[in-house]
Amino acid sequence: MTQYPWTRRAFLGGAATVLAGVSRVEAATVWQAYTYLPNATQAAVKGLFALFEQIKDETKGELTINLHLGGSLPINANNITPTVADNIVQFGTDGFFSGNVPIAELLRLPMLLRTTEEFAKAEGIAAPYIAAAYQRKGVVALGEFTYPLQTIWSRQKLTSLADIKGQKLRVTSVEMGEFIKRFGGISLTMGTPDVPAALDRGVIDGVLTATSGAGLTWKDLLKYNYRFPVQFANAIIIVNKGAFSALPPEQQELLQTRVTAANKAITQTMTGEEETLTAQLAKEGLIVTPAIPEDVEEAQKRMTPYWAEWAKSRGPQAVEALGKVRAALGR
């Protein structure tokens, strides 16, 4: 996965100033981490726990990071960016960044990226823009893990795009909501911990997610899965800039290196298990429908103009970044 750039000289200089004359024992640091994911059995959460154990072991306890699952702290999923910026927690998995770092949604524009190879190419182009946007908020972006393509799930019949009309579907961003809107659906944005109760009470009819994301977790609340490839989803690993700069240089490098490796492992795990888990749910009674080619063609036509509209509304950097991505993809 792409490693987001950070200004090494500034961070190392800050760390040297803070830690000058401080003993190794005195420099022991404990961070708090928060993820929007509420389930400890999910691949991403397992990967985070393993990451933090590794960091603790390799620093001999001088850097400890405690993970808090989604819903365990009074932090809304949409507010993880400012929560890390304000140093309330020092480490976050930011999957609901749309309102805080809009340019990061470039990688989630519906129908823009169709394969993992295309996502990787676009990610390499977008990473400097995303990192700079986080830096301006006092946050360091260390990279991201990526979910498989997001498909459409519902309690109600949903075996084609036509079935979206009138359904209330949970989305994770304005951009995803625009896709639902253009096919006659009603989009609602909510944090991951709130979804099960909303499905159970009928507040929403369904969700957009990957099987290896939350589909498996919510399987008992859903009846249909239309395997339509709306977009990819990702979670950006962020840390408080001041807390990061206060770490010794070797801990900064270790953290970046281990986060990059963890992101790759989490992404590969979720990608590798997507088809297997989907087939398993189909055997258990989930009605799984492959994407209809005519639906894909129609969605492409409807969403292509939206890409330029989206970029223009978000400023010159978004226009520039989108232009580079489209040129690289020939799209």
C-alpha atoms as a PDB file:
ATOM      1  CA  MET A   1       0.000   0.000   0.000  1.00  0.00           C
ATOM      2  CA  THR A   2       1.060   3.595  -0.532  1.00  0.00           C
ATOM      3  CA  GLN A   3       3.104   5.151   2.244  1.00  0.00           C
ATOM      4  CA  TYR A   4       1.917   8.708   2.776  1.00  0.00           C
ATOM      5  CA  PRO A   5       4.781  11.230   2.779  1.00  0.00           C
ATOM      6  CA  TRP A   6       5.648  13.200   5.872  1.00  0.00           C
ATOM      7  CA  THR A   7       8.234  15.887   6.433  1.00  0.00           C
ATOM      8  CA  ARG A   8      10.999  13.973   8.163  1.00  0.00           C
ATOM      9  CA  ARG A   9      13.203  16.973   8.945  1.00  0.00           C
ATOM     10  CA  ALA A  10      10.427  18.808  10.781  1.00  0.00           C
ATOM     11  CA  PHE A  11       9.421  15.754  12.789  1.00  0.00           C
ATOM     12  CA  LEU A  12      12.945  14.704  13.691  1.00  0.00           C
ATOM     13  CA  GLY A  13      13.849  18.237  14.667  1.00  0.00           C
ATOM     14  CA  GLY A  14      10.826  18.448  16.938  1.00  0.00           C
ATOM     15  CA  ALA A  15      11.575  15.092  18.486  1.00  0.00           C
ATOM     16  CA  ALA A  16      15.177  16.064  19.169  1.00  0.00           C
ATOM     17  CA  THR A  17      14.082  19.231  20.955  1.00  0.00           C
ATOM     18  CA  VAL A  18      11.442  17.518  23.076  1.00  0.00           C
ATOM     19  CA  LEU A  19      13.592  14.576  24.035  1.00  0.00           C
ATOM     20  CA  ALA A  20      16.921  16.334  24.611  1.00  0.00           C
ATOM     21  CA  GLY A  21      18.335  15.224  27.934  1.00  0.00           C
ATOM     22  CA  VAL A  22      15.462  12.810  28.626  1.00  0.00           C
ATOM     23  CA  SER A  23      16.327   9.255  29.599  1.00  0.00           C
ATOM     24  CA  ARG A  24      14.969   6.229  27.754  1.00  0.00           C
ATOM     25  CA  VAL A  25      12.872   5.281  30.784  1.00  0.00           C
ATOM     26  CA  GLU A  26      11.375   8.765  31.065  1.00  0.00           C
ATOM     27  CA  ALA A  27      10.552   8.749  27.355  1.00  0.00           C
ATOM     28  CA  ALA A  28       8.182   5.755  27.627  1.00  0.00           C
ATOM     29  CA  THR A  29       4.965   6.752  25.855  1.00  0.00           C
ATOM     30  CA  VAL A  30       1.389   5.487  25.994  1.00  0.00           C
ATOM     31  CA  TRP A  31      -0.977   6.390  23.183  1.00  0.00           C
ATOM     32  CA  GLN A  32      -4.700   5.859  22.838  1.00  0.00           C
ATOM     33  CA  ALA A  33      -6.081   4.651  19.499  1.00  0.00           C
ATOM     34  CA  TYR A  34      -9.651   4.666  18.221  1.00  0.00           C
ATOM     35  CA  THR A  35     -11.240   2.808  15.332  1.00  0.00           C
ATOM     36  CA  TYR A  36     -14.768   3.138  13.967  1.00  0.00           C
ATOM     37  CA  LEU A  37     -14.855  -0.680  13.722  1.00  0.00           C
ATOM     38  CA  PRO A  38     -16.795  -2.229  16.635  1.00  0.00           C
ATOM     39  CA  ASN A  39     -16.064  -5.925  16.162  1.00  0.00           C
ATOM     40  CA  ALA A  40     -12.810  -7.500  17.356  1.00  0.00           C
ATOM     41  CA  THR A  41     -13.224 -10.408  14.926  1.00  0.00           C
ATOM     42  CA  GLN A  42     -12.932  -8.234  11.816  1.00  0.00           C
ATOM     43  CA  ALA A  43      -9.709  -8.591   9.826  1.00  0.00           C
ATOM     44  CA  ALA A  44      -8.788  -4.930  10.186  1.00  0.00           C
ATOM     45  CA  VAL A  45      -9.216  -4.962  13.962  1.00  0.00           C
ATOM     46  CA  LYS A  46      -7.166  -8.143  14.284  1.00  0.00           C
ATOM     47  CA  GLY A  47      -4.488  -6.476  12.203  1.00  0.00           C
ATOM     48  CA  LEU A  48      -4.458  -3.405  14.432  1.00  0.00           C
ATOM     49  CA  PHE A  49      -4.146  -5.462  17.610  1.00  0.00           C
ATOM     50  CA  ALA A  50      -1.250  -7.383  16.062  1.00  0.00           C
ATOM     51  CA  LEU A  51       0.375  -4.127  14.955  1.00  0.00           C
ATOM     52  CA  PHE A  52       0.238  -2.624  18.433  1.00  0.00           C
ATOM     53  CA  GLU A  53       1.591  -5.768  20.056  1.00  0.00           C
ATOM     54  CA  GLN A  54       4.495  -5.760  17.627  1.00  0.00           C
ATOM     55  CA  ILE A  55       5.289  -2.107  18.286  1.00  0.00           C
ATOM     56  CA  LYS A  56       5.180  -2.647  22.040  1.00  0.00           C
ATOM     57  CA  ASP A  57       7.501  -5.655  21.781  1.00  0.00           C
ATOM     58  CA  GLU A  58       9.970  -4.013  19.419  1.00  0.00           C
ATOM     59  CA  THR A  59      10.216  -0.850  21.523  1.00  0.00           C
ATOM     60  CA  LYS A  60      10.431  -2.919  24.738  1.00  0.00           C
ATOM     61  CA  GLY A  61       7.381  -1.127  26.083  1.00  0.00           C
ATOM     62  CA  GLU A  62       8.639   2.379  25.344  1.00  0.00           C
ATOM     63  CA  LEU A  63       5.725   2.925  22.964  1.00  0.00           C
ATOM     64  CA  THR A  64       2.399   1.356  23.903  1.00  0.00           C
ATOM     65  CA  ILE A  65      -0.781   1.952  21.910  1.00  0.00           C
ATOM     66  CA  ASN A  66      -4.132   0.973  23.427  1.00  0.00           C
ATOM     67  CA  LEU A  67      -6.918   0.279  20.932  1.00  0.00           C
ATOM     68  CA  HIS A  68     -10.521   1.316  21.632  1.00  0.00           C
ATOM     69  CA  LEU A  69     -13.188  -0.204  19.395  1.00  0.00           C
ATOM     70  CA  GLY A  70     -15.962   1.752  17.719  1.00  0.00           C
ATOM     71  CA  GLY A  71     -18.658   2.761  20.182  1.00  0.00           C
ATOM     72  CA  SER A  72     -16.481   2.234  23.252  1.00  0.00           C
ATOM     73  CA  LEU A  73     -15.666   5.952  23.480  1.00  0.00           C
ATOM     74  CA  PRO A  74     -18.032   8.907  22.886  1.00  0.00           C
ATOM     75  CA  ILE A  75     -16.433   9.644  19.517  1.00  0.00           C
ATOM     76  CA  ASN A  76     -18.576   9.857  16.394  1.00  0.00           C
ATOM     77  CA  ALA A  77     -17.051   8.083  13.391  1.00  0.00           C
ATOM     78  CA  ASN A  78     -17.292  11.348  11.431  1.00  0.00           C
ATOM     79  CA  ASN A  79     -15.171  13.115  14.039  1.00  0.00           C
ATOM     80  CA  ILE A  80     -12.098  10.885  14.140  1.00  0.00           C
ATOM     81  CA  THR A  81     -10.030  13.424  12.171  1.00  0.00           C
ATOM     82  CA  PRO A  82     -10.583  16.323  14.621  1.00  0.00           C
ATOM     83  CA  THR A  83     -10.355  13.978  17.606  1.00  0.00           C
ATOM     84  CA  VAL A  84      -6.841  12.988  16.558  1.00  0.00           C
ATOM     85  CA  ALA A  85      -5.998  16.585  15.608  1.00  0.00           C
ATOM     86  CA  ASP A  86      -7.007  17.720  19.114  1.00  0.00           C
ATOM     87  CA  ASN A  87      -4.864  14.948  20.661  1.00  0.00           C
ATOM     88  CA  ILE A  88      -7.845  13.416  22.457  1.00  0.00           C
ATOM     89  CA  VAL A  89      -6.583  10.172  20.989  1.00  0.00           C
ATOM     90  CA  GLN A  90      -3.208   9.978  19.313  1.00  0.00           C
ATOM     91  CA  PHE A  91      -3.949   7.288  16.705  1.00  0.00           C
ATOM     92  CA  GLY A  92      -7.026   6.728  14.580  1.00  0.00           C
ATOM     93  CA  THR A  93      -8.357   4.683  11.700  1.00  0.00           C
ATOM     94  CA  ASP A  94     -10.194   7.314   9.699  1.00  0.00           C
ATOM     95  CA  GLY A  95     -12.836   5.835   7.455  1.00  0.00           C
ATOM     96  CA  PHE A  96     -15.352   8.701   7.601  1.00  0.00           C
ATOM     97  CA  PHE A  97     -13.139  11.583   6.495  1.00  0.00           C
ATOM     98  CA  SER A  98     -15.426  13.022   3.819  1.00  0.00           C
ATOM     99  CA  GLY A  99     -16.367  16.191   5.715  1.00  0.00           C
ATOM    100  CA  ASN A 100     -12.898  16.778   7.146  1.00  0.00           C
ATOM    101  CA  VAL A 101     -10.518  15.891   4.297  1.00  0.00           C
ATOM    102  CA  PRO A 102     -12.699  16.065   1.178  1.00  0.00           C
ATOM    103  CA  ILE A 103      -9.904  15.454  -1.311  1.00  0.00           C
ATOM    104  CA  ALA A 104      -9.392  11.968   0.144  1.00  0.00           C
ATOM    105  CA  GLU A 105     -12.759  11.014  -1.366  1.00  0.00           C
ATOM    106  CA  LEU A 106     -11.114  11.065  -4.796  1.00  0.00           C
ATOM    107  CA  LEU A 107     -10.297   7.387  -4.283  1.00  0.00           C
ATOM    108  CA  ARG A 108     -13.947   6.640  -3.560  1.00  0.00           C
ATOM    109  CA  LEU A 109     -15.679   8.317  -6.486  1.00  0.00           C
ATOM    110  CA  PRO A 110     -18.363   5.866  -7.651  1.00  0.00           C
ATOM    111  CA  MET A 111     -17.450   3.939 -10.801  1.00  0.00           C
ATOM    112  CA  LEU A 112     -14.048   5.648 -11.199  1.00  0.00           C
ATOM    113  CA  LEU A 113     -11.795   2.803 -10.019  1.00  0.00           C
ATOM    114  CA  ARG A 114     -12.769  -0.701 -11.083  1.00  0.00           C
ATOM    115  CA  THR A 115      -9.840  -2.953 -10.149  1.00  0.00           C
ATOM    116  CA  THR A 116      -7.279  -3.227  -7.375  1.00  0.00           C
ATOM    117  CA  GLU A 117      -4.602  -2.291  -9.905  1.00  0.00           C
ATOM    118  CA  GLU A 118      -6.458   0.891 -10.802  1.00  0.00           C
ATOM    119  CA  PHE A 119      -6.932   1.708  -7.139  1.00  0.00           C
ATOM    120  CA  ALA A 120      -3.196   1.301  -6.474  1.00  0.00           C
ATOM    121  CA  LYS A 121      -2.326   3.564  -9.396  1.00  0.00           C
ATOM    122  CA  ALA A 122      -4.768   6.252  -8.257  1.00  0.00           C
ATOM    123  CA  GLU A 123      -3.641   5.911  -4.648  1.00  0.00           C
ATOM    124  CA  GLY A 124      -0.058   6.699  -5.611  1.00  0.00           C
ATOM    125  CA  ILE A 125      -1.205   9.886  -7.328  1.00  0.00           C
ATOM    126  CA  ALA A 126      -3.588  10.997  -4.588  1.00  0.00           C
ATOM    127  CA  ALA A 127      -1.370  10.238  -1.559  1.00  0.00           C
ATOM    128  CA  PRO A 128       0.608  13.544  -1.526  1.00  0.00           C
ATOM    129  CA  TYR A 129      -2.593  15.585  -1.795  1.00  0.00           C
ATOM    130  CA  ILE A 130      -4.218  13.629   1.017  1.00  0.00           C
ATOM    131  CA  ALA A 131      -1.140  13.824   3.258  1.00  0.00           C
ATOM    132  CA  ALA A 132      -0.896  17.591   2.770  1.00  0.00           C
ATOM    133  CA  ALA A 133      -4.577  18.058   3.643  1.00  0.00           C
ATOM    134  CA  TYR A 134      -4.135  16.120   6.881  1.00  0.00           C
ATOM    135  CA  GLN A 135      -0.935  18.007   7.714  1.00  0.00           C
ATOM    136  CA  ARG A 136      -2.826  21.277   7.569  1.00  0.00           C
ATOM    137  CA  LYS A 137      -5.069  19.918  10.317  1.00  0.00           C
ATOM    138  CA  GLY A 138      -2.178  18.897  12.554  1.00  0.00           C
ATOM    139  CA  VAL A 139      -2.416  15.238  11.604  1.00  0.00           C
ATOM    140  CA  VAL A 140       0.043  12.837   9.984  1.00  0.00           C
ATOM    141  CA  ALA A 141      -1.335  10.277   7.512  1.00  0.00           C
ATOM    142  CA  LEU A 142       0.750   7.100   7.656  1.00  0.00           C
ATOM    143  CA  GLY A 143      -1.051   5.211   4.890  1.00  0.00           C
ATOM    144  CA  GLU A 144      -4.239   3.239   4.488  1.00  0.00           C
ATOM    145  CA  PHE A 145      -5.783  -0.185   4.236  1.00  0.00           C
ATOM    146  CA  THR A 146      -8.314  -0.867   1.516  1.00  0.00           C
ATOM    147  CA  TYR A 147     -11.522  -2.879   1.493  1.00  0.00           C
ATOM    148  CA  PRO A 148     -12.684  -4.857  -1.534  1.00  0.00           C
ATOM    149  CA  LEU A 149     -15.210  -3.211  -3.841  1.00  0.00           C
ATOM    150  CA  GLN A 150     -18.315  -2.067  -2.001  1.00  0.00           C
ATOM    151  CA  THR A 151     -21.500  -3.841  -3.066  1.00  0.00           C
ATOM    152  CA  ILE A 152     -25.156  -3.319  -2.170  1.00  0.00           C
ATOM    153  CA  TRP A 153     -26.923  -5.226   0.612  1.00  0.00           C
ATOM    154  CA  SER A 154     -30.539  -5.046   1.764  1.00  0.00           C
ATOM    155  CA  ARG A 155     -33.300  -6.600   3.835  1.00  0.00           C
ATOM    156  CA  GLN A 156     -35.620  -5.893   0.893  1.00  0.00           C
ATOM    157  CA  LYS A 157     -35.448  -7.353  -2.617  1.00  0.00           C
ATOM    158  CA  LEU A 158     -32.378  -5.938  -4.327  1.00  0.00           C
ATOM    159  CA  THR A 159     -31.164  -7.825  -7.381  1.00  0.00           C
ATOM    160  CA  SER A 160     -30.629  -4.899  -9.781  1.00  0.00           C
ATOM    161  CA  LEU A 161     -29.998  -1.163  -9.670  1.00  0.00           C
ATOM    162  CA  ALA A 162     -33.703  -0.596 -10.341  1.00  0.00           C
ATOM    163  CA  ASP A 163     -34.440  -2.090  -6.912  1.00  0.00           C
ATOM    164  CA  ILE A 164     -32.559   0.765  -5.196  1.00  0.00           C
ATOM    165  CA  LYS A 165     -35.495   3.096  -5.853  1.00  0.00           C
ATOM    166  CA  GLY A 166     -37.219   3.999  -2.597  1.00  0.00           C
ATOM    167  CA  GLN A 167     -34.856   2.036  -0.373  1.00  0.00           C
ATOM    168  CA  LYS A 168     -33.054   3.663   2.550  1.00  0.00           C
ATOM    169  CA  LEU A 169     -29.413   2.679   2.333  1.00  0.00           C
ATOM    170  CA  ARG A 170     -26.599   3.482   4.717  1.00  0.00           C
ATOM    171  CA  VAL A 171     -23.562   5.064   3.077  1.00  0.00           C
ATOM    172  CA  THR A 172     -20.200   6.259   4.378  1.00  0.00           C
ATOM    173  CA  SER A 173     -19.787   9.420   2.329  1.00  0.00           C
ATOM    174  CA  VAL A 174     -21.531  12.117   0.316  1.00  0.00           C
ATOM    175  CA  GLU A 175     -20.100  10.585  -2.846  1.00  0.00           C
ATOM    176  CA  MET A 176     -21.569   7.168  -2.137  1.00  0.00           C
ATOM    177  CA  GLY A 177     -24.824   8.876  -1.267  1.00  0.00           C
ATOM    178  CA  GLU A 178     -24.832  10.591  -4.655  1.00  0.00           C
ATOM    179  CA  PHE A 179     -24.749   7.214  -6.356  1.00  0.00           C
ATOM    180  CA  ILE A 180     -27.769   6.029  -4.375  1.00  0.00           C
ATOM    181  CA  LYS A 181     -29.603   9.284  -5.059  1.00  0.00           C
ATOM    182  CA  ARG A 182     -29.081   8.985  -8.828  1.00  0.00           C
ATOM    183  CA  PHE A 183     -30.839   5.629  -8.779  1.00  0.00           C
ATOM    184  CA  GLY A 184     -33.800   6.806  -6.731  1.00  0.00           C
ATOM    185  CA  GLY A 185     -32.694   5.647  -3.302  1.00  0.00           C
ATOM    186  CA  ILE A 186     -32.440   7.489   0.003  1.00  0.00           C
ATOM    187  CA  SER A 187     -28.966   7.645   1.541  1.00  0.00           C
ATOM    188  CA  LEU A 188     -28.218   7.914   5.246  1.00  0.00           C
ATOM    189  CA  THR A 189     -24.736   8.344   6.692  1.00  0.00           C
ATOM    190  CA  MET A 190     -24.050   6.734  10.051  1.00  0.00           C
ATOM    191  CA  GLY A 191     -21.141   5.279  11.976  1.00  0.00           C
ATOM    192  CA  THR A 192     -20.503   1.553  11.912  1.00  0.00           C
ATOM    193  CA  PRO A 193     -21.570   0.915  15.551  1.00  0.00           C
ATOM    194  CA  ASP A 194     -25.031   2.373  14.826  1.00  0.00           C
ATOM    195  CA  VAL A 195     -25.844   0.197  11.826  1.00  0.00           C
ATOM    196  CA  PRO A 196     -27.134  -3.038  13.467  1.00  0.00           C
ATOM    197  CA  ALA A 197     -29.790  -1.232  15.505  1.00  0.00           C
ATOM    198  CA  ALA A 198     -30.801   0.855  12.490  1.00  0.00           C
ATOM    199  CA  LEU A 199     -31.273  -2.290  10.399  1.00  0.00           C
ATOM    200  CA  ASP A 200     -33.158  -4.050  13.166  1.00  0.00           C
ATOM    201  CA  ARG A 201     -35.576  -1.131  13.652  1.00  0.00           C
ATOM    202  CA  GLY A 202     -36.055  -0.521   9.939  1.00  0.00           C
ATOM    203  CA  VAL A 203     -34.451   2.910  10.028  1.00  0.00           C
ATOM    204  CA  ILE A 204     -32.448   1.694   7.041  1.00  0.00           C
ATOM    205  CA  ASP A 205     -33.175  -1.092   4.577  1.00  0.00           C
ATOM    206  CA  GLY A 206     -29.599  -1.880   3.714  1.00  0.00           C
ATOM    207  CA  VAL A 207     -25.970  -0.872   3.409  1.00  0.00           C
ATOM    208  CA  LEU A 208     -23.076  -0.586   1.009  1.00  0.00           C
ATOM    209  CA  THR A 209     -20.132  -2.627   2.203  1.00  0.00           C
ATOM    210  CA  ALA A 210     -17.816  -5.509   1.380  1.00  0.00           C
ATOM    211  CA  THR A 211     -18.436  -9.017   2.691  1.00  0.00           C
ATOM    212  CA  SER A 212     -15.060  -8.994   4.420  1.00  0.00           C
ATOM    213  CA  GLY A 213     -15.787  -5.515   5.735  1.00  0.00           C
ATOM    214  CA  ALA A 214     -19.088  -5.555   7.585  1.00  0.00           C
ATOM    215  CA  GLY A 215     -21.218  -7.823   5.413  1.00  0.00           C
ATOM    216  CA  LEU A 216     -20.185 -10.871   7.387  1.00  0.00           C
ATOM    217  CA  THR A 217     -20.823  -9.070  10.671  1.00  0.00           C
ATOM    218  CA  TRP A 218     -24.338  -7.991   9.688  1.00  0.00           C
ATOM    219  CA  LYS A 219     -25.289 -11.140   7.762  1.00  0.00           C
ATOM    220  CA  ASP A 220     -28.216 -12.025  10.035  1.00  0.00           C
ATOM    221  CA  LEU A 221     -29.843  -8.640   9.382  1.00  0.00           C
ATOM    222  CA  LEU A 222     -29.638  -8.746   5.575  1.00  0.00           C
ATOM    223  CA  LYS A 223     -31.252 -10.945   2.916  1.00  0.00           C
ATOM    224  CA  TYR A 224     -29.929  -9.698  -0.439  1.00  0.00           C
ATOM    225  CA  ASN A 225     -26.493  -8.824  -1.799  1.00  0.00           C
ATOM    226  CA  TYR A 226     -26.252  -7.353  -5.283  1.00  0.00           C
ATOM    227  CA  ARG A 227     -22.597  -7.711  -6.280  1.00  0.00           C
ATOM    228  CA  PHE A 228     -22.525  -4.385  -8.052  1.00  0.00           C
ATOM    229  CA  PRO A 229     -19.062  -2.749  -7.829  1.00  0.00           C
ATOM    230  CA  VAL A 230     -19.948   0.769  -6.680  1.00  0.00           C
ATOM    231  CA  GLN A 231     -16.519   1.848  -5.434  1.00  0.00           C
ATOM    232  CA  PHE A 232     -13.625   0.953  -3.197  1.00  0.00           C
ATOM    233  CA  ALA A 233     -13.491   1.997   0.448  1.00  0.00           C
ATOM    234  CA  ASN A 234     -10.429   2.703   2.534  1.00  0.00           C
ATOM    235  CA  ALA A 235      -9.408   3.682   6.043  1.00  0.00           C
ATOM    236  CA  ILE A 236      -6.545   6.116   6.497  1.00  0.00           C
ATOM    237  CA  ILE A 237      -4.224   5.568   9.450  1.00  0.00           C
ATOM    238  CA  ILE A 238      -3.649   8.909  11.137  1.00  0.00           C
ATOM    239  CA  VAL A 239      -1.700  10.118  14.157  1.00  0.00           C
ATOM    240  CA  ASN A 240      -1.500  13.416  15.983  1.00  0.00           C
ATOM    241  CA  LYS A 241       1.323  15.487  14.491  1.00  0.00           C
ATOM    242  CA  GLY A 242       2.614  16.764  17.829  1.00  0.00           C
ATOM    243  CA  ALA A 243       2.553  13.329  19.442  1.00  0.00           C
ATOM    244  CA  PHE A 244       4.334  11.850  16.433  1.00  0.00           C
ATOM    245  CA  SER A 245       7.005  14.531  16.387  1.00  0.00           C
ATOM    246  CA  ALA A 246       7.658  13.936  20.098  1.00  0.00           C
ATOM    247  CA  LEU A 247       8.643  10.313  19.481  1.00  0.00           C
ATOM    248  CA  PRO A 248      12.345   9.487  19.144  1.00  0.00           C
ATOM    249  CA  PRO A 249      13.421   9.268  15.488  1.00  0.00           C
ATOM    250  CA  GLU A 250      13.794   5.494  15.601  1.00  0.00           C
ATOM    251  CA  GLN A 251      10.234   5.108  16.936  1.00  0.00           C
ATOM    252  CA  GLN A 252       8.885   7.362  14.171  1.00  0.00           C
ATOM    253  CA  GLU A 253      10.560   5.182  11.574  1.00  0.00           C
ATOM    254  CA  LEU A 254       9.430   1.982  13.244  1.00  0.00           C
ATOM    255  CA  LEU A 255       5.831   3.171  13.473  1.00  0.00           C
ATOM    256  CA  GLN A 256       5.744   4.189   9.818  1.00  0.00           C
ATOM    257  CA  THR A 257       7.348   0.920   8.694  1.00  0.00           C
ATOM    258  CA  ARG A 258       5.076  -1.308  10.765  1.00  0.00           C
ATOM    259  CA  VAL A 259       1.911   0.602   9.823  1.00  0.00           C
ATOM    260  CA  THR A 260       2.787   0.268   6.142  1.00  0.00           C
ATOM    261  CA  ALA A 261       3.265  -3.493   6.537  1.00  0.00           C
ATOM    262  CA  ALA A 262       0.066  -3.850   8.584  1.00  0.00           C
ATOM    263  CA  ASN A 263      -1.950  -1.943   5.981  1.00  0.00           C
ATOM    264  CA  LYS A 264      -0.707  -4.275   3.266  1.00  0.00           C
ATOM    265  CA  ALA A 265      -1.501  -7.369   5.335  1.00  0.00           C
ATOM    266  CA  ILE A 266      -5.003  -6.173   6.259  1.00  0.00           C
ATOM    267  CA  THR A 267      -5.782  -5.298   2.648  1.00  0.00           C
ATOM    268  CA  GLN A 268      -4.532  -8.645   1.360  1.00  0.00           C
ATOM    269  CA  THR A 269      -6.486 -10.554   4.003  1.00  0.00           C
ATOM    270  CA  MET A 270      -9.778  -8.830   3.205  1.00  0.00           C
ATOM    271  CA  THR A 271      -9.253  -9.106  -0.547  1.00  0.00           C
ATOM    272  CA  GLY A 272      -8.333 -12.771  -0.288  1.00  0.00           C
ATOM    273  CA  GLU A 273     -11.365 -13.761   1.753  1.00  0.00           C
ATOM    274  CA  GLU A 274     -14.029 -11.731  -0.082  1.00  0.00           C
ATOM    275  CA  GLU A 275     -15.173 -14.368  -2.572  1.00  0.00           C
ATOM    276  CA  THR A 276     -14.941 -17.232  -0.093  1.00  0.00           C
ATOM    277  CA  LEU A 277     -16.996 -15.451   2.540  1.00  0.00           C
ATOM    278  CA  THR A 278     -19.598 -14.365  -0.012  1.00  0.00           C
ATOM    279  CA  ALA A 279     -19.989 -17.960  -1.232  1.00  0.00           C
ATOM    280  CA  GLN A 280     -20.315 -19.098   2.375  1.00  0.00           C
ATOM    281  CA  LEU A 281     -23.130 -16.614   3.039  1.00  0.00           C
ATOM    282  CA  ALA A 282     -24.895 -17.702  -0.161  1.00  0.00           C
ATOM    283  CA  LYS A 283     -24.913 -21.284   1.114  1.00  0.00           C
ATOM    284  CA  GLU A 284     -26.407 -20.030   4.366  1.00  0.00           C
ATOM    285  CA  GLY A 285     -29.327 -18.398   2.553  1.00  0.00           C
ATOM    286  CA  LEU A 286     -28.172 -14.941   1.466  1.00  0.00           C
ATOM    287  CA  ILE A 287     -29.543 -14.153  -2.007  1.00  0.00           C
ATOM    288  CA  VAL A 288     -26.438 -13.161  -3.973  1.00  0.00           C
ATOM    289  CA  THR A 289     -26.845 -11.717  -7.474  1.00  0.00           C
ATOM    290  CA  PRO A 290     -23.909 -10.998  -9.816  1.00  0.00           C
ATOM    291  CA  ALA A 291     -23.717  -7.514 -11.314  1.00  0.00           C
ATOM    292  CA  ILE A 292     -25.762  -7.139 -14.499  1.00  0.00           C
ATOM    293  CA  PRO A 293     -23.525  -5.793 -17.328  1.00  0.00           C
ATOM    294  CA  GLU A 294     -26.226  -3.386 -18.490  1.00  0.00           C
ATOM    295  CA  ASP A 295     -26.410  -1.954 -14.962  1.00  0.00           C
ATOM    296  CA  VAL A 296     -22.654  -1.396 -14.927  1.00  0.00           C
ATOM    297  CA  GLU A 297     -22.811   0.391 -18.282  1.00  0.00           C
ATOM    298  CA  GLU A 298     -25.711   2.580 -17.161  1.00  0.00           C
ATOM    299  CA  ALA A 299     -24.044   3.478 -13.869  1.00  0.00           C
ATOM    300  CA  GLN A 300     -20.856   4.427 -15.694  1.00  0.00           C
ATOM    301  CA  LYS A 301     -22.809   6.825 -17.903  1.00  0.00           C
ATOM    302  CA  ARG A 302     -24.613   8.414 -14.968  1.00  0.00           C
ATOM    303  CA  MET A 303     -21.599   8.837 -12.715  1.00  0.00           C
ATOM    304  CA  THR A 304     -18.897   9.980 -15.164  1.00  0.00           C
ATOM    305  CA  PRO A 305     -20.136  13.614 -15.287  1.00  0.00           C
ATOM    306  CA  TYR A 306     -20.260  13.631 -11.501  1.00  0.00           C
ATOM    307  CA  TRP A 307     -16.489  13.171 -11.191  1.00  0.00           C
ATOM    308  CA  ALA A 308     -15.782  16.589 -12.728  1.00  0.00           C
ATOM    309  CA  GLU A 309     -18.638  18.180 -10.758  1.00  0.00           C
ATOM    310  CA  TRP A 310     -17.184  16.758  -7.561  1.00  0.00           C
ATOM    311  CA  ALA A 311     -13.671  18.044  -8.262  1.00  0.00           C
ATOM    312  CA  LYS A 312     -14.818  21.528  -9.271  1.00  0.00           C
ATOM    313  CA  SER A 313     -16.816  21.900  -6.058  1.00  0.00           C
ATOM    314  CA  ARG A 314     -13.759  20.985  -3.978  1.00  0.00           C
ATOM    315  CA  GLY A 315     -11.232  23.330  -5.481  1.00  0.00           C
ATOM    316  CA  PRO A 316      -8.172  23.485  -7.760  1.00  0.00           C
ATOM    317  CA  GLN A 317      -6.199  20.730  -6.043  1.00  0.00           C
ATOM    318  CA  ALA A 318      -9.058  18.282  -6.438  1.00  0.00           C
ATOM    319  CA  VAL A 319      -9.384  19.228 -10.108  1.00  0.00           C
ATOM    320  CA  GLU A 320      -5.644  18.735 -10.588  1.00  0.00           C
ATOM    321  CA  ALA A 321      -5.531  15.411  -8.752  1.00  0.00           C
ATOM    322  CA  LEU A 322      -8.578  14.026 -10.562  1.00  0.00           C
ATOM    323  CA  GLY A 323      -7.092  15.077 -13.887  1.00  0.00           C
ATOM    324  CA  LYS A 324      -3.896  13.152 -13.138  1.00  0.00           C
ATOM    325  CA  VAL A 325      -5.844  10.061 -12.094  1.00  0.00           C
ATOM    326  CA  ARG A 326      -8.062  10.093 -15.167  1.00  0.00           C
ATOM    327  CA  ALA A 327      -5.059  10.577 -17.419  1.00  0.00           C
ATOM    328  CA  ALA A 328      -3.259   7.653 -15.782  1.00  0.00           C
ATOM    329  CA  LEU A 329      -6.314   5.435 -16.212  1.00  0.00           C
ATOM    330  CA  GLY A 330      -7.188   6.649 -19.694  1.00  0.00           C
ATOM    331  CA  ARG A 331     -10.614   7.558 -18.413  1.00  0.00           C
END
